[in-house]
C-alpha cells in the first residue's frame, strides 16, 4: 500500500507535504501537515489526495 505523504503518529495518520527550502522563509514553515483522524492506511490513502493537491497549490502560488 502506498504511504507517500503519510506519517503515522500515536496510531493516527497525517498527510505531510514538505515545502521546498527556497520557499520556507516566505511560507513561515517547513511543511504542511493535517491529521486525517484515522488509523487505517487504506482510509488515509483515500483521504490524502485532497490535502496533497491543496498543499501543492499553496506552494505553487507566487
PDB file of N, CA and C in Angstrom:
ATOM      1  N   UNK A   1       0.858  -1.184   0.000  1.00  0.00           N
ATOM      2  CA  UNK A   1       0.000   0.000   0.000  1.00  0.00           C
ATOM      3  C   UNK A   1       0.900   1.242   0.000  1.00  0.00           C
ATOM      4  N   UNK A   2       0.531   2.235  -0.765  1.00  0.00           N
ATOM      5  CA  UNK A   2       1.296   3.482  -0.902  1.00  0.00           C
ATOM      6  C   UNK A   2       1.171   4.334   0.359  1.00  0.00           C
ATOM      7  N   UNK A   3       2.310   4.719   0.913  1.00  0.00           N
ATOM      8  CA  UNK A   3       2.270   5.575   2.102  1.00  0.00           C
ATOM      9  C   UNK A   3       2.975   6.909   1.853  1.00  0.00           C
ATOM     10  N   UNK A   4       3.145   7.275   0.581  1.00  0.00           N
ATOM     11  CA  UNK A   4       3.753   8.562   0.252  1.00  0.00           C
ATOM     12  C   UNK A   4       2.886   9.684   0.805  1.00  0.00           C
ATOM     13  N   UNK A   5       3.516  10.659   1.425  1.00  0.00           N
ATOM     14  CA  UNK A   5       2.876  11.814   2.068  1.00  0.00           C
ATOM     15  C   UNK A   5       2.201  11.474   3.394  1.00  0.00           C
ATOM     16  N   UNK A   6       2.298  10.239   3.863  1.00  0.00           N
ATOM     17  CA  UNK A   6       1.635   9.854   5.100  1.00  0.00           C
ATOM     18  C   UNK A   6       2.636   9.622   6.224  1.00  0.00           C
ATOM     19  N   UNK A   7       2.263  10.045   7.414  1.00  0.00           N
ATOM     20  CA  UNK A   7       3.043   9.832   8.631  1.00  0.00           C
ATOM     21  C   UNK A   7       2.073   9.323   9.686  1.00  0.00           C
ATOM     22  N   UNK A   8       2.524   8.316  10.434  1.00  0.00           N
ATOM     23  CA  UNK A   8       1.664   7.778  11.496  1.00  0.00           C
ATOM     24  C   UNK A   8       2.250   8.167  12.846  1.00  0.00           C
ATOM     25  N   UNK A   9       1.451   8.855  13.651  1.00  0.00           N
ATOM     26  CA  UNK A   9       1.838   9.261  14.996  1.00  0.00           C
ATOM     27  C   UNK A   9       0.697   8.918  15.932  1.00  0.00           C
ATOM     28  N   UNK A  10       1.036   8.249  17.031  1.00  0.00           N
ATOM     29  CA  UNK A  10       0.028   7.905  18.037  1.00  0.00           C
ATOM     30  C   UNK A  10      -1.173   7.189  17.430  1.00  0.00           C
ATOM     31  N   UNK A  11      -0.891   6.264  16.502  1.00  0.00           N
ATOM     32  CA  UNK A  11      -1.919   5.433  15.871  1.00  0.00           C
ATOM     33  C   UNK A  11      -2.896   6.223  14.999  1.00  0.00           C
ATOM     34  N   UNK A  12      -2.489   7.409  14.544  1.00  0.00           N
ATOM     35  CA  UNK A  12      -3.319   8.225  13.661  1.00  0.00           C
ATOM     36  C   UNK A  12      -2.466   8.711  12.494  1.00  0.00           C
ATOM     37  N   UNK A  13      -2.999   8.617  11.293  1.00  0.00           N
ATOM     38  CA  UNK A  13      -2.271   9.070  10.108  1.00  0.00           C
ATOM     39  C   UNK A  13      -2.497  10.557   9.864  1.00  0.00           C
ATOM     40  N   UNK A  14      -1.409  11.197   9.401  1.00  0.00           N
ATOM     41  CA  UNK A  14      -1.455  12.594   8.968  1.00  0.00           C
ATOM     42  C   UNK A  14      -0.868  12.663   7.572  1.00  0.00           C
ATOM     43  N   UNK A  15      -1.315  13.635   6.803  1.00  0.00           N
ATOM     44  CA  UNK A  15      -0.732  13.893   5.490  1.00  0.00           C
ATOM     45  C   UNK A  15       0.273  15.029   5.664  1.00  0.00           C
ATOM     46  N   UNK A  16       1.465  14.864   5.060  1.00  0.00           N
ATOM     47  CA  UNK A  16       2.546  15.834   5.192  1.00  0.00           C
ATOM     48  C   UNK A  16       3.119  16.130   3.811  1.00  0.00           C
ATOM     49  N   UNK A  17       3.218  17.409   3.476  1.00  0.00           N
ATOM     50  CA  UNK A  17       3.851  17.843   2.232  1.00  0.00           C
ATOM     51  C   UNK A  17       4.947  18.831   2.597  1.00  0.00           C
ATOM     52  N   UNK A  18       6.184  18.484   2.226  1.00  0.00           N
ATOM     53  CA  UNK A  18       7.337  19.341   2.509  1.00  0.00           C
ATOM     54  C   UNK A  18       7.341  20.551   1.574  1.00  0.00           C
ATOM     55  N   UNK A  19       7.686  21.709   2.114  1.00  0.00           N
ATOM     56  CA  UNK A  19       7.808  22.937   1.332  1.00  0.00           C
ATOM     57  C   UNK A  19       9.263  23.055   0.879  1.00  0.00           C
ATOM     58  N   UNK A  20       9.528  23.353  -0.391  1.00  0.00           N
ATOM     59  CA  UNK A  20      10.911  23.497  -0.858  1.00  0.00           C
ATOM     60  C   UNK A  20      11.666  24.550  -0.031  1.00  0.00           C
ATOM     61  N   UNK A  21      12.955  24.295   0.220  1.00  0.00           N
ATOM     62  CA  UNK A  21      13.772  25.176   1.067  1.00  0.00           C
ATOM     63  C   UNK A  21      13.703  26.640   0.624  1.00  0.00           C
ATOM     64  N   UNK A  22      13.713  26.881  -0.660  1.00  0.00           N
ATOM     65  CA  UNK A  22      13.733  28.262  -1.143  1.00  0.00           C
ATOM     66  C   UNK A  22      12.431  29.011  -0.835  1.00  0.00           C
ATOM     67  N   UNK A  23      11.364  28.296  -0.495  1.00  0.00           N
ATOM     68  CA  UNK A  23      10.079  28.921  -0.207  1.00  0.00           C
ATOM     69  C   UNK A  23       9.702  28.878   1.276  1.00  0.00           C
ATOM     70  N   UNK A  24      10.505  28.210   2.091  1.00  0.00           N
ATOM     71  CA  UNK A  24      10.176  28.037   3.503  1.00  0.00           C
ATOM     72  C   UNK A  24      10.111  29.365   4.262  1.00  0.00           C
ATOM     73  N   UNK A  25      11.030  30.271   3.995  1.00  0.00           N
ATOM     74  CA  UNK A  25      11.033  31.555   4.701  1.00  0.00           C
ATOM     75  C   UNK A  25       9.756  32.339   4.388  1.00  0.00           C
ATOM     76  N   UNK A  26       9.362  32.338   3.134  1.00  0.00           N
ATOM     77  CA  UNK A  26       8.149  33.050   2.726  1.00  0.00           C
ATOM     78  C   UNK A  26       6.900  32.404   3.346  1.00  0.00           C
ATOM     79  N   UNK A  27       6.886  31.077   3.390  1.00  0.00           N
ATOM     80  CA  UNK A  27       5.736  30.353   3.943  1.00  0.00           C
ATOM     81  C   UNK A  27       5.730  30.392   5.471  1.00  0.00           C
ATOM     82  N   UNK A  28       6.903  30.570   6.076  1.00  0.00           N
ATOM     83  CA  UNK A  28       6.988  30.607   7.529  1.00  0.00           C
ATOM     84  C   UNK A  28       6.907  29.239   8.174  1.00  0.00           C
ATOM     85  N   UNK A  29       7.096  28.194   7.387  1.00  0.00           N
ATOM     86  CA  UNK A  29       7.082  26.836   7.915  1.00  0.00           C
ATOM     87  C   UNK A  29       7.812  25.909   6.950  1.00  0.00           C
ATOM     88  N   UNK A  30       8.135  24.707   7.415  1.00  0.00           N
ATOM     89  CA  UNK A  30       8.875  23.740   6.610  1.00  0.00           C
ATOM     90  C   UNK A  30       7.978  22.747   5.900  1.00  0.00           C
ATOM     91  N   UNK A  31       6.774  22.571   6.415  1.00  0.00           N
ATOM     92  CA  UNK A  31       5.871  21.577   5.839  1.00  0.00           C
ATOM     93  C   UNK A  31       4.428  21.912   6.163  1.00  0.00           C
ATOM     94  N   UNK A  32       3.549  21.397   5.333  1.00  0.00           N
ATOM     95  CA  UNK A  32       2.125  21.436   5.624  1.00  0.00           C
ATOM     96  C   UNK A  32       1.765  20.079   6.209  1.00  0.00           C
ATOM     97  N   UNK A  33       0.954  20.061   7.253  1.00  0.00           N
ATOM     98  CA  UNK A  33       0.568  18.812   7.902  1.00  0.00           C
ATOM     99  C   UNK A  33      -0.887  18.904   8.343  1.00  0.00           C
ATOM    100  N   UNK A  34      -1.627  17.812   8.123  1.00  0.00           N
ATOM    101  CA  UNK A  34      -3.035  17.752   8.510  1.00  0.00           C
ATOM    102  C   UNK A  34      -3.355  16.335   8.972  1.00  0.00           C
ATOM    103  N   UNK A  35      -3.941  16.230  10.149  1.00  0.00           N
ATOM    104  CA  UNK A  35      -4.359  14.930  10.655  1.00  0.00           C
ATOM    105  C   UNK A  35      -5.541  14.418   9.833  1.00  0.00           C
ATOM    106  N   UNK A  36      -5.491  13.135   9.493  1.00  0.00           N
ATOM    107  CA  UNK A  36      -6.586  12.513   8.758  1.00  0.00           C
ATOM    108  C   UNK A  36      -7.551  11.801   9.700  1.00  0.00           C
ATOM    109  N   UNK A  37      -7.230  11.768  10.959  1.00  0.00           N
ATOM    110  CA  UNK A  37      -8.077  11.212  12.022  1.00  0.00           C
ATOM    111  C   UNK A  37      -8.541   9.788  11.723  1.00  0.00           C
ATOM    112  N   UNK A  38      -7.586   8.972  11.249  1.00  0.00           N
ATOM    113  CA  UNK A  38      -7.873   7.564  11.004  1.00  0.00           C
ATOM    114  C   UNK A  38      -6.640   6.738  11.333  1.00  0.00           C
ATOM    115  N   UNK A  39      -6.866   5.490  11.743  1.00  0.00           N
ATOM    116  CA  UNK A  39      -5.759   4.579  11.987  1.00  0.00           C
ATOM    117  C   UNK A  39      -5.630   3.562  10.850  1.00  0.00           C
ATOM    118  N   UNK A  40      -6.440   3.725   9.818  1.00  0.00           N
ATOM    119  CA  UNK A  40      -6.451   2.817   8.672  1.00  0.00           C
ATOM    120  C   UNK A  40      -5.597   3.389   7.535  1.00  0.00           C
ATOM    121  N   UNK A  41      -4.600   2.609   7.103  1.00  0.00           N
ATOM    122  CA  UNK A  41      -3.761   3.046   5.991  1.00  0.00           C
ATOM    123  C   UNK A  41      -4.591   3.188   4.717  1.00  0.00           C
ATOM    124  N   UNK A  42      -5.503   2.284   4.473  1.00  0.00           N
ATOM    125  CA  UNK A  42      -6.348   2.354   3.274  1.00  0.00           C
ATOM    126  C   UNK A  42      -7.195   3.625   3.278  1.00  0.00           C
ATOM    127  N   UNK A  43      -7.782   3.946   4.405  1.00  0.00           N
ATOM    128  CA  UNK A  43      -8.599   5.163   4.517  1.00  0.00           C
ATOM    129  C   UNK A  43      -7.730   6.409   4.356  1.00  0.00           C
ATOM    130  N   UNK A  44      -6.542   6.398   4.962  1.00  0.00           N
ATOM    131  CA  UNK A  44      -5.625   7.535   4.855  1.00  0.00           C
ATOM    132  C   UNK A  44      -5.226   7.764   3.407  1.00  0.00           C
ATOM    133  N   UNK A  45      -4.966   6.695   2.674  1.00  0.00           N
ATOM    134  CA  UNK A  45      -4.619   6.824   1.250  1.00  0.00           C
ATOM    135  C   UNK A  45      -5.771   7.418   0.454  1.00  0.00           C
ATOM    136  N   UNK A  46      -6.974   7.076   0.802  1.00  0.00           N
ATOM    137  CA  UNK A  46      -8.145   7.617   0.104  1.00  0.00           C
ATOM    138  C   UNK A  46      -8.315   9.109   0.399  1.00  0.00           C
ATOM    139  N   UNK A  47      -8.050   9.514   1.648  1.00  0.00           N
ATOM    140  CA  UNK A  47      -8.283  10.891   2.081  1.00  0.00           C
ATOM    141  C   UNK A  47      -7.156  11.860   1.715  1.00  0.00           C
ATOM    142  N   UNK A  48      -5.943  11.364   1.584  1.00  0.00           N
ATOM    143  CA  UNK A  48      -4.779  12.252   1.443  1.00  0.00           C
ATOM    144  C   UNK A  48      -4.774  13.085   0.173  1.00  0.00           C
ATOM    145  N   UNK A  49      -5.343  12.587  -0.910  1.00  0.00           N
ATOM    146  CA  UNK A  49      -5.223  13.259  -2.210  1.00  0.00           C
ATOM    147  C   UNK A  49      -5.788  14.679  -2.195  1.00  0.00           C
ATOM    148  N   UNK A  50      -6.887  14.883  -1.524  1.00  0.00           N
ATOM    149  CA  UNK A  50      -7.492  16.206  -1.429  1.00  0.00           C
ATOM    150  C   UNK A  50      -6.514  17.200  -0.778  1.00  0.00           C
ATOM    151  N   UNK A  51      -5.885  16.795   0.308  1.00  0.00           N
ATOM    152  CA  UNK A  51      -4.972  17.676   1.034  1.00  0.00           C
ATOM    153  C   UNK A  51      -3.660  17.883   0.284  1.00  0.00           C
ATOM    154  N   UNK A  52      -3.119  16.830  -0.304  1.00  0.00           N
ATOM    155  CA  UNK A  52      -1.876  16.951  -1.077  1.00  0.00           C
ATOM    156  C   UNK A  52      -2.079  17.948  -2.206  1.00  0.00           C
ATOM    157  N   UNK A  53      -3.177  17.838  -2.914  1.00  0.00           N
ATOM    158  CA  UNK A  53      -3.459  18.759  -4.026  1.00  0.00           C
ATOM    159  C   UNK A  53      -3.562  20.202  -3.516  1.00  0.00           C
ATOM    160  N   UNK A  54      -4.265  20.409  -2.426  1.00  0.00           N
ATOM    161  CA  UNK A  54      -4.406  21.754  -1.856  1.00  0.00           C
ATOM    162  C   UNK A  54      -3.086  22.325  -1.378  1.00  0.00           C
ATOM    163  N   UNK A  55      -2.275  21.507  -0.719  1.00  0.00           N
ATOM    164  CA  UNK A  55      -0.971  21.972  -0.240  1.00  0.00           C
ATOM    165  C   UNK A  55      -0.065  22.316  -1.417  1.00  0.00           C
ATOM    166  N   UNK A  56      -0.074  21.500  -2.454  1.00  0.00           N
ATOM    167  CA  UNK A  56       0.764  21.769  -3.618  1.00  0.00           C
ATOM    168  C   UNK A  56       0.321  23.033  -4.341  1.00  0.00           C
ATOM    169  N   UNK A  57      -0.971  23.320  -4.348  1.00  0.00           N
ATOM    170  CA  UNK A  57      -1.459  24.581  -4.934  1.00  0.00           C
ATOM    171  C   UNK A  57      -0.934  25.770  -4.137  1.00  0.00           C
ATOM    172  N   UNK A  58      -0.950  25.666  -2.807  1.00  0.00           N
ATOM    173  CA  UNK A  58      -0.432  26.760  -1.964  1.00  0.00           C
ATOM    174  C   UNK A  58       1.047  26.989  -2.232  1.00  0.00           C
ATOM    175  N   UNK A  59       1.812  25.923  -2.407  1.00  0.00           N
ATOM    176  CA  UNK A  59       3.248  26.045  -2.674  1.00  0.00           C
ATOM    177  C   UNK A  59       3.479  26.718  -4.014  1.00  0.00           C
ATOM    178  N   UNK A  60       2.653  26.439  -4.985  1.00  0.00           N
ATOM    179  CA  UNK A  60       2.829  26.971  -6.347  1.00  0.00           C
ATOM    180  C   UNK A  60       2.417  28.432  -6.476  1.00  0.00           C
ATOM    181  N   UNK A  61       1.661  28.974  -5.521  1.00  0.00           N
ATOM    182  CA  UNK A  61       1.239  30.366  -5.606  1.00  0.00           C
ATOM    183  C   UNK A  61       2.435  31.306  -5.548  1.00  0.00           C
ATOM    184  N   UNK A  62       2.384  32.392  -6.331  1.00  0.00           N
ATOM    185  CA  UNK A  62       3.533  33.327  -6.343  1.00  0.00           C
ATOM    186  C   UNK A  62       3.686  34.092  -5.047  1.00  0.00           C
TER     187      UNK A  62
END
